[in-house]
Amino acid sequence: VSVSADSNGLAEDLVEAGRRYTEKVAITQVVPVPNSPSPAVARYREA
């Protein structure tokens, strides 16, 4: 479990390494997942 690591950077490095490297990896974050249906996140995606 990584504390607030950049989600894109972490995912890209592990996916590039191979599927097994993405297993059993979680992160804590101070924001919802970016495809959340919440109004603010929807506006963020549009912007």
ModelCIF file with pLDDT and N, C-alpha, C, O atoms, coordinates in Angstrom:
data_MODEL
#
_entry.id   MODEL 
#
_entity.id                         1 
_entity.type                       polymer 
_entity.pdbx_number_of_molecules   1 
#
_entity_poly.entity_id                      1 
_entity_poly.type                           'polypeptide(L)' 
_entity_poly.nstd_linkage                   no 
_entity_poly.nstd_monomer                   no 
_entity_poly.pdbx_seq_one_letter_code       VSVSADSNGLAEDLVEAGRRYTEKVAITQVVPVPNSPSPAVARYREA 
_entity_poly.pdbx_seq_one_letter_code_can   VSVSADSNGLAEDLVEAGRRYTEKVAITQVVPVPNSPSPAVARYREA 
_entity_poly.pdbx_strand_id                 A 
#
loop_
_entity_poly_seq.entity_id 
_entity_poly_seq.num 
_entity_poly_seq.mon_id 
_entity_poly_seq.hetero 
1 1  VAL n 
1 2  SER n 
1 3  VAL n 
1 4  SER n 
1 5  ALA n 
1 6  ASP n 
1 7  SER n 
1 8  ASN n 
1 9  GLY n 
1 10 LEU n 
1 11 ALA n 
1 12 GLU n 
1 13 ASP n 
1 14 LEU n 
1 15 VAL n 
1 16 GLU n 
1 17 ALA n 
1 18 GLY n 
1 19 ARG n 
1 20 ARG n 
1 21 TYR n 
1 22 THR n 
1 23 GLU n 
1 24 LYS n 
1 25 VAL n 
1 26 ALA n 
1 27 ILE n 
1 28 THR n 
1 29 GLN n 
1 30 VAL n 
1 31 VAL n 
1 32 PRO n 
1 33 VAL n 
1 34 PRO n 
1 35 ASN n 
1 36 SER n 
1 37 PRO n 
1 38 SER n 
1 39 PRO n 
1 40 ALA n 
1 41 VAL n 
1 42 ALA n 
1 43 ARG n 
1 44 TYR n 
1 45 ARG n 
1 46 GLU n 
1 47 ALA n 
#
_struct_asym.id          A 
_struct_asym.entity_id   1 
#
loop_
_ma_qa_metric.id 
_ma_qa_metric.mode 
_ma_qa_metric.name 
_ma_qa_metric.software_group_id 
_ma_qa_metric.type 
1 global pLDDT . pLDDT 
2 local  pLDDT . pLDDT 
#
_ma_qa_metric_global.metric_id      1 
_ma_qa_metric_global.metric_value   94.87 
_ma_qa_metric_global.model_id       1 
_ma_qa_metric_global.ordinal_id     1 
#
loop_
_ma_qa_metric_local.label_asym_id 
_ma_qa_metric_local.label_comp_id 
_ma_qa_metric_local.label_seq_id 
_ma_qa_metric_local.metric_id 
_ma_qa_metric_local.metric_value 
_ma_qa_metric_local.model_id 
_ma_qa_metric_local.ordinal_id 
A VAL 1  2 98.00 1 1  
A SER 2  2 98.00 1 2  
A VAL 3  2 95.00 1 3  
A SER 4  2 88.00 1 4  
A ALA 5  2 89.00 1 5  
A ASP 6  2 91.00 1 6  
A SER 7  2 94.00 1 7  
A ASN 8  2 93.00 1 8  
A GLY 9  2 93.00 1 9  
A LEU 10 2 96.00 1 10 
A ALA 11 2 96.00 1 11 
A GLU 12 2 96.00 1 12 
A ASP 13 2 97.00 1 13 
A LEU 14 2 98.00 1 14 
A VAL 15 2 98.00 1 15 
A GLU 16 2 97.00 1 16 
A ALA 17 2 97.00 1 17 
A GLY 18 2 96.00 1 18 
A ARG 19 2 96.00 1 19 
A ARG 20 2 97.00 1 20 
A TYR 21 2 98.00 1 21 
A THR 22 2 98.00 1 22 
A GLU 23 2 98.00 1 23 
A LYS 24 2 98.00 1 24 
A VAL 25 2 98.00 1 25 
A ALA 26 2 98.00 1 26 
A ILE 27 2 98.00 1 27 
A THR 28 2 98.00 1 28 
A GLN 29 2 96.00 1 29 
A VAL 30 2 95.00 1 30 
A VAL 31 2 95.00 1 31 
A PRO 32 2 94.00 1 32 
A VAL 33 2 93.00 1 33 
A PRO 34 2 91.00 1 34 
A ASN 35 2 85.00 1 35 
A SER 36 2 89.00 1 36 
A PRO 37 2 89.00 1 37 
A SER 38 2 90.00 1 38 
A PRO 39 2 92.00 1 39 
A ALA 40 2 93.00 1 40 
A VAL 41 2 94.00 1 41 
A ALA 42 2 95.00 1 42 
A ARG 43 2 96.00 1 43 
A TYR 44 2 97.00 1 44 
A ARG 45 2 96.00 1 45 
A GLU 46 2 96.00 1 46 
A ALA 47 2 96.00 1 47 
#
loop_
_atom_site.group_PDB 
_atom_site.id 
_atom_site.type_symbol 
_atom_site.label_atom_id 
_atom_site.label_alt_id 
_atom_site.label_comp_id 
_atom_site.label_asym_id 
_atom_site.label_entity_id 
_atom_site.label_seq_id 
_atom_site.pdbx_PDB_ins_code 
_atom_site.Cartn_x 
_atom_site.Cartn_y 
_atom_site.Cartn_z 
_atom_site.occupancy 
_atom_site.B_iso_or_equiv 
_atom_site.pdbx_formal_charge 
_atom_site.auth_seq_id 
_atom_site.auth_comp_id 
_atom_site.auth_asym_id 
_atom_site.auth_atom_id 
_atom_site.pdbx_PDB_model_num 
ATOM 1   N N  . VAL A 1 1  ? 0.856   -1.187 0.000   1.00 98.00 ? 1  VAL A N  1 
ATOM 2   C CA . VAL A 1 1  ? 0.000   0.000  0.000   1.00 98.00 ? 1  VAL A CA 1 
ATOM 3   C C  . VAL A 1 1  ? 0.888   1.231  0.000   1.00 98.00 ? 1  VAL A C  1 
ATOM 4   O O  . VAL A 1 1  ? 1.625   1.468  0.957   1.00 98.00 ? 1  VAL A O  1 
ATOM 5   N N  . SER A 1 2  ? 0.822   2.007  -1.055  1.00 98.00 ? 2  SER A N  1 
ATOM 6   C CA . SER A 1 2  ? 1.622   3.228  -1.162  1.00 98.00 ? 2  SER A CA 1 
ATOM 7   C C  . SER A 1 2  ? 0.798   4.420  -0.704  1.00 98.00 ? 2  SER A C  1 
ATOM 8   O O  . SER A 1 2  ? -0.359  4.580  -1.094  1.00 98.00 ? 2  SER A O  1 
ATOM 9   N N  . VAL A 1 3  ? 1.405   5.250  0.124   1.00 95.00 ? 3  VAL A N  1 
ATOM 10  C CA . VAL A 1 3  ? 0.713   6.415  0.664   1.00 95.00 ? 3  VAL A CA 1 
ATOM 11  C C  . VAL A 1 3  ? 0.825   7.584  -0.313  1.00 95.00 ? 3  VAL A C  1 
ATOM 12  O O  . VAL A 1 3  ? 1.874   8.217  -0.428  1.00 95.00 ? 3  VAL A O  1 
ATOM 13  N N  . SER A 1 4  ? -0.269  7.853  -1.008  1.00 88.00 ? 4  SER A N  1 
ATOM 14  C CA . SER A 1 4  ? -0.409  9.039  -1.855  1.00 88.00 ? 4  SER A CA 1 
ATOM 15  C C  . SER A 1 4  ? 0.627   9.169  -2.958  1.00 88.00 ? 4  SER A C  1 
ATOM 16  O O  . SER A 1 4  ? 0.979   10.287 -3.336  1.00 88.00 ? 4  SER A O  1 
ATOM 17  N N  . ALA A 1 5  ? 1.126   8.053  -3.486  1.00 89.00 ? 5  ALA A N  1 
ATOM 18  C CA . ALA A 1 5  ? 2.020   8.116  -4.646  1.00 89.00 ? 5  ALA A CA 1 
ATOM 19  C C  . ALA A 1 5  ? 1.234   8.572  -5.873  1.00 89.00 ? 5  ALA A C  1 
ATOM 20  O O  . ALA A 1 5  ? 0.024   8.361  -5.952  1.00 89.00 ? 5  ALA A O  1 
ATOM 21  N N  . ASP A 1 6  ? 1.923   9.196  -6.831  1.00 91.00 ? 6  ASP A N  1 
ATOM 22  C CA . ASP A 1 6  ? 1.251   9.601  -8.058  1.00 91.00 ? 6  ASP A CA 1 
ATOM 23  C C  . ASP A 1 6  ? 0.683   8.376  -8.760  1.00 91.00 ? 6  ASP A C  1 
ATOM 24  O O  . ASP A 1 6  ? 1.425   7.455  -9.101  1.00 91.00 ? 6  ASP A O  1 
ATOM 25  N N  . SER A 1 7  ? -0.597  8.362  -8.973  1.00 94.00 ? 7  SER A N  1 
ATOM 26  C CA . SER A 1 7  ? -1.271  7.163  -9.481  1.00 94.00 ? 7  SER A CA 1 
ATOM 27  C C  . SER A 1 7  ? -0.828  6.803  -10.889 1.00 94.00 ? 7  SER A C  1 
ATOM 28  O O  . SER A 1 7  ? -0.632  5.625  -11.187 1.00 94.00 ? 7  SER A O  1 
ATOM 29  N N  . ASN A 1 8  ? -0.667  7.791  -11.763 1.00 93.00 ? 8  ASN A N  1 
ATOM 30  C CA . ASN A 1 8  ? -0.273  7.497  -13.139 1.00 93.00 ? 8  ASN A CA 1 
ATOM 31  C C  . ASN A 1 8  ? 1.151   6.969  -13.225 1.00 93.00 ? 8  ASN A C  1 
ATOM 32  O O  . ASN A 1 8  ? 1.415   5.983  -13.913 1.00 93.00 ? 8  ASN A O  1 
ATOM 33  N N  . GLY A 1 9  ? 2.070   7.634  -12.520 1.00 93.00 ? 9  GLY A N  1 
ATOM 34  C CA . GLY A 1 9  ? 3.465   7.203  -12.558 1.00 93.00 ? 9  GLY A CA 1 
ATOM 35  C C  . GLY A 1 9  ? 3.644   5.798  -12.025 1.00 93.00 ? 9  GLY A C  1 
ATOM 36  O O  . GLY A 1 9  ? 4.353   4.993  -12.628 1.00 93.00 ? 9  GLY A O  1 
ATOM 37  N N  . LEU A 1 10 ? 3.011   5.491  -10.901 1.00 96.00 ? 10 LEU A N  1 
ATOM 38  C CA . LEU A 1 10 ? 3.110   4.159  -10.312 1.00 96.00 ? 10 LEU A CA 1 
ATOM 39  C C  . LEU A 1 10 ? 2.519   3.104  -11.236 1.00 96.00 ? 10 LEU A C  1 
ATOM 40  O O  . LEU A 1 10 ? 3.140   2.067  -11.471 1.00 96.00 ? 10 LEU A O  1 
ATOM 41  N N  . ALA A 1 11 ? 1.337   3.358  -11.756 1.00 96.00 ? 11 ALA A N  1 
ATOM 42  C CA . ALA A 1 11 ? 0.681   2.387  -12.630 1.00 96.00 ? 11 ALA A CA 1 
ATOM 43  C C  . ALA A 1 11 ? 1.494   2.137  -13.891 1.00 96.00 ? 11 ALA A C  1 
ATOM 44  O O  . ALA A 1 11 ? 1.672   0.985  -14.285 1.00 96.00 ? 11 ALA A O  1 
ATOM 45  N N  . GLU A 1 12 ? 1.984   3.176  -14.525 1.00 96.00 ? 12 GLU A N  1 
ATOM 46  C CA . GLU A 1 12 ? 2.718   3.006  -15.776 1.00 96.00 ? 12 GLU A CA 1 
ATOM 47  C C  . GLU A 1 12 ? 3.986   2.180  -15.576 1.00 96.00 ? 12 GLU A C  1 
ATOM 48  O O  . GLU A 1 12 ? 4.292   1.313  -16.395 1.00 96.00 ? 12 GLU A O  1 
ATOM 49  N N  . ASP A 1 13 ? 4.723   2.438  -14.501 1.00 97.00 ? 13 ASP A N  1 
ATOM 50  C CA . ASP A 1 13 ? 5.942   1.670  -14.241 1.00 97.00 ? 13 ASP A CA 1 
ATOM 51  C C  . ASP A 1 13 ? 5.635   0.200  -13.984 1.00 97.00 ? 13 ASP A C  1 
ATOM 52  O O  . ASP A 1 13 ? 6.358   -0.672 -14.467 1.00 97.00 ? 13 ASP A O  1 
ATOM 53  N N  . LEU A 1 14 ? 4.581   -0.088 -13.237 1.00 98.00 ? 14 LEU A N  1 
ATOM 54  C CA . LEU A 1 14 ? 4.271   -1.480 -12.911 1.00 98.00 ? 14 LEU A CA 1 
ATOM 55  C C  . LEU A 1 14 ? 3.646   -2.217 -14.094 1.00 98.00 ? 14 LEU A C  1 
ATOM 56  O O  . LEU A 1 14 ? 3.955   -3.388 -14.314 1.00 98.00 ? 14 LEU A O  1 
ATOM 57  N N  . VAL A 1 15 ? 2.794   -1.573 -14.841 1.00 98.00 ? 15 VAL A N  1 
ATOM 58  C CA . VAL A 1 15 ? 2.223   -2.210 -16.032 1.00 98.00 ? 15 VAL A CA 1 
ATOM 59  C C  . VAL A 1 15 ? 3.307   -2.535 -17.041 1.00 98.00 ? 15 VAL A C  1 
ATOM 60  O O  . VAL A 1 15 ? 3.296   -3.603 -17.652 1.00 98.00 ? 15 VAL A O  1 
ATOM 61  N N  . GLU A 1 16 ? 4.242   -1.613 -17.214 1.00 97.00 ? 16 GLU A N  1 
ATOM 62  C CA . GLU A 1 16 ? 5.352   -1.844 -18.143 1.00 97.00 ? 16 GLU A CA 1 
ATOM 63  C C  . GLU A 1 16 ? 6.201   -3.042 -17.706 1.00 97.00 ? 16 GLU A C  1 
ATOM 64  O O  . GLU A 1 16 ? 6.729   -3.769 -18.547 1.00 97.00 ? 16 GLU A O  1 
ATOM 65  N N  . ALA A 1 17 ? 6.329   -3.243 -16.408 1.00 97.00 ? 17 ALA A N  1 
ATOM 66  C CA . ALA A 1 17 ? 7.118   -4.360 -15.888 1.00 97.00 ? 17 ALA A CA 1 
ATOM 67  C C  . ALA A 1 17 ? 6.442   -5.698 -16.145 1.00 97.00 ? 17 ALA A C  1 
ATOM 68  O O  . ALA A 1 17 ? 7.125   -6.711 -16.294 1.00 97.00 ? 17 ALA A O  1 
ATOM 69  N N  . GLY A 1 18 ? 5.120   -5.722 -16.201 1.00 96.00 ? 18 GLY A N  1 
ATOM 70  C CA . GLY A 1 18 ? 4.391   -6.967 -16.458 1.00 96.00 ? 18 GLY A CA 1 
ATOM 71  C C  . GLY A 1 18 ? 3.209   -7.126 -15.537 1.00 96.00 ? 18 GLY A C  1 
ATOM 72  O O  . GLY A 1 18 ? 3.151   -6.530 -14.462 1.00 96.00 ? 18 GLY A O  1 
ATOM 73  N N  . ARG A 1 19 ? 2.262   -7.941 -15.974 1.00 96.00 ? 19 ARG A N  1 
ATOM 74  C CA . ARG A 1 19 ? 0.991   -8.074 -15.258 1.00 96.00 ? 19 ARG A CA 1 
ATOM 75  C C  . ARG A 1 19 ? 1.165   -8.447 -13.787 1.00 96.00 ? 19 ARG A C  1 
ATOM 76  O O  . ARG A 1 19 ? 0.469   -7.901 -12.932 1.00 96.00 ? 19 ARG A O  1 
ATOM 77  N N  . ARG A 1 20 ? 2.083   -9.366 -13.476 1.00 97.00 ? 20 ARG A N  1 
ATOM 78  C CA . ARG A 1 20 ? 2.197   -9.828 -12.095 1.00 97.00 ? 20 ARG A CA 1 
ATOM 79  C C  . ARG A 1 20 ? 2.652   -8.730 -11.146 1.00 97.00 ? 20 ARG A C  1 
ATOM 80  O O  . ARG A 1 20 ? 2.432   -8.817 -9.938  1.00 97.00 ? 20 ARG A O  1 
ATOM 81  N N  . TYR A 1 21 ? 3.288   -7.694 -11.691 1.00 98.00 ? 21 TYR A N  1 
ATOM 82  C CA . TYR A 1 21 ? 3.761   -6.613 -10.845 1.00 98.00 ? 21 TYR A CA 1 
ATOM 83  C C  . TYR A 1 21 ? 2.631   -5.677 -10.405 1.00 98.00 ? 21 TYR A C  1 
ATOM 84  O O  . TYR A 1 21 ? 2.822   -4.866 -9.498  1.00 98.00 ? 21 TYR A O  1 
ATOM 85  N N  . THR A 1 22 ? 1.473   -5.779 -11.028 1.00 98.00 ? 22 THR A N  1 
ATOM 86  C CA . THR A 1 22 ? 0.330   -4.950 -10.637 1.00 98.00 ? 22 THR A CA 1 
ATOM 87  C C  . THR A 1 22 ? -0.525  -5.620 -9.565  1.00 98.00 ? 22 THR A C  1 
ATOM 88  O O  . THR A 1 22 ? -1.451  -5.001 -9.042  1.00 98.00 ? 22 THR A O  1 
ATOM 89  N N  . GLU A 1 23 ? -0.232  -6.854 -9.238  1.00 98.00 ? 23 GLU A N  1 
ATOM 90  C CA . GLU A 1 23 ? -1.064  -7.594 -8.282  1.00 98.00 ? 23 GLU A CA 1 
ATOM 91  C C  . GLU A 1 23 ? -0.770  -7.184 -6.838  1.00 98.00 ? 23 GLU A C  1 
ATOM 92  O O  . GLU A 1 23 ? 0.381   -6.960 -6.464  1.00 98.00 ? 23 GLU A O  1 
ATOM 93  N N  . LYS A 1 24 ? -1.817  -7.094 -6.049  1.00 98.00 ? 24 LYS A N  1 
ATOM 94  C CA . LYS A 1 24 ? -1.733  -6.769 -4.624  1.00 98.00 ? 24 LYS A CA 1 
ATOM 95  C C  . LYS A 1 24 ? -1.015  -5.444 -4.373  1.00 98.00 ? 24 LYS A C  1 
ATOM 96  O O  . LYS A 1 24 ? -0.133  -5.344 -3.521  1.00 98.00 ? 24 LYS A O  1 
ATOM 97  N N  . VAL A 1 25 ? -1.423  -4.425 -5.146  1.00 98.00 ? 25 VAL A N  1 
ATOM 98  C CA . VAL A 1 25 ? -0.882  -3.068 -4.985  1.00 98.00 ? 25 VAL A CA 1 
ATOM 99  C C  . VAL A 1 25 ? -2.051  -2.095 -4.837  1.00 98.00 ? 25 VAL A C  1 
ATOM 100 O O  . VAL A 1 25 ? -2.927  -2.030 -5.700  1.00 98.00 ? 25 VAL A O  1 
ATOM 101 N N  . ALA A 1 26 ? -2.057  -1.351 -3.753  1.00 98.00 ? 26 ALA A N  1 
ATOM 102 C CA . ALA A 1 26 ? -3.085  -0.339 -3.515  1.00 98.00 ? 26 ALA A CA 1 
ATOM 103 C C  . ALA A 1 26 ? -2.413  0.974  -3.135  1.00 98.00 ? 26 ALA A C  1 
ATOM 104 O O  . ALA A 1 26 ? -1.232  1.002  -2.791  1.00 98.00 ? 26 ALA A O  1 
ATOM 105 N N  . ILE A 1 27 ? -3.176  2.057  -3.202  1.00 98.00 ? 27 ILE A N  1 
ATOM 106 C CA . ILE A 1 27 ? -2.683  3.358  -2.765  1.00 98.00 ? 27 ILE A CA 1 
ATOM 107 C C  . ILE A 1 27 ? -3.767  4.072  -1.968  1.00 98.00 ? 27 ILE A C  1 
ATOM 108 O O  . ILE A 1 27 ? -4.959  3.896  -2.219  1.00 98.00 ? 27 ILE A O  1 
ATOM 109 N N  . THR A 1 28 ? -3.337  4.876  -1.011  1.00 98.00 ? 28 THR A N  1 
ATOM 110 C CA . THR A 1 28 ? -4.269  5.816  -0.392  1.00 98.00 ? 28 THR A CA 1 
ATOM 111 C C  . THR A 1 28 ? -4.163  7.129  -1.145  1.00 98.00 ? 28 THR A C  1 
ATOM 112 O O  . THR A 1 28 ? -3.096  7.482  -1.648  1.00 98.00 ? 28 THR A O  1 
ATOM 113 N N  . GLN A 1 29 ? -5.278  7.853  -1.221  1.00 96.00 ? 29 GLN A N  1 
ATOM 114 C CA . GLN A 1 29 ? -5.323  9.115  -1.946  1.00 96.00 ? 29 GLN A CA 1 
ATOM 115 C C  . GLN A 1 29 ? -6.190  10.121 -1.217  1.00 96.00 ? 29 GLN A C  1 
ATOM 116 O O  . GLN A 1 29 ? -7.027  9.757  -0.391  1.00 96.00 ? 29 GLN A O  1 
ATOM 117 N N  . VAL A 1 30 ? -5.980  11.402 -1.535  1.00 95.00 ? 30 VAL A N  1 
ATOM 118 C CA . VAL A 1 30 ? -6.764  12.468 -0.916  1.00 95.00 ? 30 VAL A CA 1 
ATOM 119 C C  . VAL A 1 30 ? -7.876  12.959 -1.836  1.00 95.00 ? 30 VAL A C  1 
ATOM 120 O O  . VAL A 1 30 ? -8.495  13.991 -1.576  1.00 95.00 ? 30 VAL A O  1 
ATOM 121 N N  . VAL A 1 31 ? -8.126  12.215 -2.912  1.00 95.00 ? 31 VAL A N  1 
ATOM 122 C CA . VAL A 1 31 ? -9.181  12.537 -3.873  1.00 95.00 ? 31 VAL A CA 1 
ATOM 123 C C  . VAL A 1 31 ? -9.854  11.236 -4.307  1.00 95.00 ? 31 VAL A C  1 
ATOM 124 O O  . VAL A 1 31 ? -9.270  10.161 -4.166  1.00 95.00 ? 31 VAL A O  1 
ATOM 125 N N  . PRO A 1 32 ? -11.081 11.326 -4.834  1.00 94.00 ? 32 PRO A N  1 
ATOM 126 C CA . PRO A 1 32 ? -11.721 10.132 -5.382  1.00 94.00 ? 32 PRO A CA 1 
ATOM 127 C C  . PRO A 1 32 ? -11.018 9.658  -6.647  1.00 94.00 ? 32 PRO A C  1 
ATOM 128 O O  . PRO A 1 32 ? -10.182 10.363 -7.211  1.00 94.00 ? 32 PRO A O  1 
ATOM 129 N N  . VAL A 1 33 ? -11.372 8.449  -7.084  1.00 93.00 ? 33 VAL A N  1 
ATOM 130 C CA . VAL A 1 33 ? -10.877 7.951  -8.365  1.00 93.00 ? 33 VAL A CA 1 
ATOM 131 C C  . VAL A 1 33 ? -11.329 8.907  -9.472  1.00 93.00 ? 33 VAL A C  1 
ATOM 132 O O  . VAL A 1 33 ? -12.466 9.378  -9.447  1.00 93.00 ? 33 VAL A O  1 
ATOM 133 N N  . PRO A 1 34 ? -10.446 9.205  -10.453 1.00 91.00 ? 34 PRO A N  1 
ATOM 134 C CA . PRO A 1 34 ? -10.756 10.241 -11.438 1.00 91.00 ? 34 PRO A CA 1 
ATOM 135 C C  . PRO A 1 34 ? -11.911 9.958  -12.393 1.00 91.00 ? 34 PRO A C  1 
ATOM 136 O O  . PRO A 1 34 ? -12.294 10.856 -13.144 1.00 91.00 ? 34 PRO A O  1 
ATOM 137 N N  . ASN A 1 35 ? -12.484 8.758  -12.403 1.00 85.00 ? 35 ASN A N  1 
ATOM 138 C CA . ASN A 1 35 ? -13.695 8.592  -13.218 1.00 85.00 ? 35 ASN A CA 1 
ATOM 139 C C  . ASN A 1 35 ? -14.927 8.524  -12.329 1.00 85.00 ? 35 ASN A C  1 
ATOM 140 O O  . ASN A 1 35 ? -15.963 7.997  -12.734 1.00 85.00 ? 35 ASN A O  1 
ATOM 141 N N  . SER A 1 36 ? -14.816 9.051  -11.127 1.00 89.00 ? 36 SER A N  1 
ATOM 142 C CA . SER A 1 36 ? -15.961 9.172  -10.235 1.00 89.00 ? 36 SER A CA 1 
ATOM 143 C C  . SER A 1 36 ? -17.075 9.974  -10.898 1.00 89.00 ? 36 SER A C  1 
ATOM 144 O O  . SER A 1 36 ? -16.791 10.925 -11.627 1.00 89.00 ? 36 SER A O  1 
ATOM 145 N N  . PRO A 1 37 ? -18.330 9.614  -10.663 1.00 89.00 ? 37 PRO A N  1 
ATOM 146 C CA . PRO A 1 37 ? -19.442 10.379 -11.232 1.00 89.00 ? 37 PRO A CA 1 
ATOM 147 C C  . PRO A 1 37 ? -19.742 11.666 -10.476 1.00 89.00 ? 37 PRO A C  1 
ATOM 148 O O  . PRO A 1 37 ? -20.671 12.381 -10.852 1.00 89.00 ? 37 PRO A O  1 
ATOM 149 N N  . SER A 1 38 ? -18.993 11.988 -9.428  1.00 90.00 ? 38 SER A N  1 
ATOM 150 C CA . SER A 1 38 ? -19.271 13.197 -8.655  1.00 90.00 ? 38 SER A CA 1 
ATOM 151 C C  . SER A 1 38 ? -19.147 14.438 -9.535  1.00 90.00 ? 38 SER A C  1 
ATOM 152 O O  . SER A 1 38 ? -18.332 14.462 -10.457 1.00 90.00 ? 38 SER A O  1 
ATOM 153 N N  . PRO A 1 39 ? -19.945 15.467 -9.259  1.00 92.00 ? 39 PRO A N  1 
ATOM 154 C CA . PRO A 1 39 ? -19.968 16.659 -10.122 1.00 92.00 ? 39 PRO A CA 1 
ATOM 155 C C  . PRO A 1 39 ? -18.609 17.311 -10.310 1.00 92.00 ? 39 PRO A C  1 
ATOM 156 O O  . PRO A 1 39 ? -18.262 17.679 -11.433 1.00 92.00 ? 39 PRO A O  1 
ATOM 157 N N  . ALA A 1 40 ? -17.833 17.465 -9.250  1.00 93.00 ? 40 ALA A N  1 
ATOM 158 C CA . ALA A 1 40 ? -16.538 18.131 -9.369  1.00 93.00 ? 40 ALA A CA 1 
ATOM 159 C C  . ALA A 1 40 ? -15.590 17.342 -10.242 1.00 93.00 ? 40 ALA A C  1 
ATOM 160 O O  . ALA A 1 40 ? -14.862 17.917 -11.051 1.00 93.00 ? 40 ALA A O  1 
ATOM 161 N N  . VAL A 1 41 ? -15.591 16.021 -10.087 1.00 94.00 ? 41 VAL A N  1 
ATOM 162 C CA . VAL A 1 41 ? -14.673 15.192 -10.863 1.00 94.00 ? 41 VAL A CA 1 
ATOM 163 C C  . VAL A 1 41 ? -15.079 15.175 -12.331 1.00 94.00 ? 41 VAL A C  1 
ATOM 164 O O  . VAL A 1 41 ? -14.222 15.109 -13.212 1.00 94.00 ? 41 VAL A O  1 
ATOM 165 N N  . ALA A 1 42 ? -16.372 15.232 -12.598 1.00 95.00 ? 42 ALA A N  1 
ATOM 166 C CA . ALA A 1 42 ? -16.842 15.324 -13.982 1.00 95.00 ? 42 ALA A CA 1 
ATOM 167 C C  . ALA A 1 42 ? -16.365 16.624 -14.623 1.00 95.00 ? 42 ALA A C  1 
ATOM 168 O O  . ALA A 1 42 ? -15.929 16.628 -15.774 1.00 95.00 ? 42 ALA A O  1 
ATOM 169 N N  . ARG A 1 43 ? -16.449 17.735 -13.875 1.00 96.00 ? 43 ARG A N  1 
ATOM 170 C CA . ARG A 1 43 ? -15.968 19.019 -14.398 1.00 96.00 ? 43 ARG A CA 1 
ATOM 171 C C  . ARG A 1 43 ? -14.454 18.982 -14.617 1.00 96.00 ? 43 ARG A C  1 
ATOM 172 O O  . ARG A 1 43 ? -13.945 19.540 -15.589 1.00 96.00 ? 43 ARG A O  1 
ATOM 173 N N  . TYR A 1 44 ? -13.753 18.329 -13.713 1.00 97.00 ? 44 TYR A N  1 
ATOM 174 C CA . TYR A 1 44 ? -12.297 18.161 -13.848 1.00 97.00 ? 44 TYR A CA 1 
ATOM 175 C C  . TYR A 1 44 ? -11.945 17.440 -15.136 1.00 97.00 ? 44 TYR A C  1 
ATOM 176 O O  . TYR A 1 44 ? -11.045 17.868 -15.858 1.00 97.00 ? 44 TYR A O  1 
ATOM 177 N N  . ARG A 1 45 ? -12.647 16.342 -15.435 1.00 96.00 ? 45 ARG A N  1 
ATOM 178 C CA . ARG A 1 45 ? -12.352 15.589 -16.659 1.00 96.00 ? 45 ARG A CA 1 
ATOM 179 C C  . ARG A 1 45 ? -12.602 16.440 -17.894 1.00 96.00 ? 45 ARG A C  1 
ATOM 180 O O  . ARG A 1 45 ? -11.825 16.401 -18.848 1.00 96.00 ? 45 ARG A O  1 
ATOM 181 N N  . GLU A 1 46 ? -13.678 17.203 -17.877 1.00 96.00 ? 46 GLU A N  1 
ATOM 182 C CA . GLU A 1 46 ? -13.989 18.078 -19.007 1.00 96.00 ? 46 GLU A CA 1 
ATOM 183 C C  . GLU A 1 46 ? -12.909 19.139 -19.189 1.00 96.00 ? 46 GLU A C  1 
ATOM 184 O O  . GLU A 1 46 ? -12.471 19.401 -20.309 1.00 96.00 ? 46 GLU A O  1 
ATOM 185 N N  . ALA A 1 47 ? -12.484 19.748 -18.084 1.00 96.00 ? 47 ALA A N  1 
ATOM 186 C CA . ALA A 1 47 ? -11.458 20.794 -18.145 1.00 96.00 ? 47 ALA A CA 1 
ATOM 187 C C  . ALA A 1 47 ? -10.127 20.231 -18.617 1.00 96.00 ? 47 ALA A C  1 
ATOM 188 O O  . ALA A 1 47 ? -9.148  20.971 -18.729 1.00 96.00 ? 47 ALA A O  1 
#
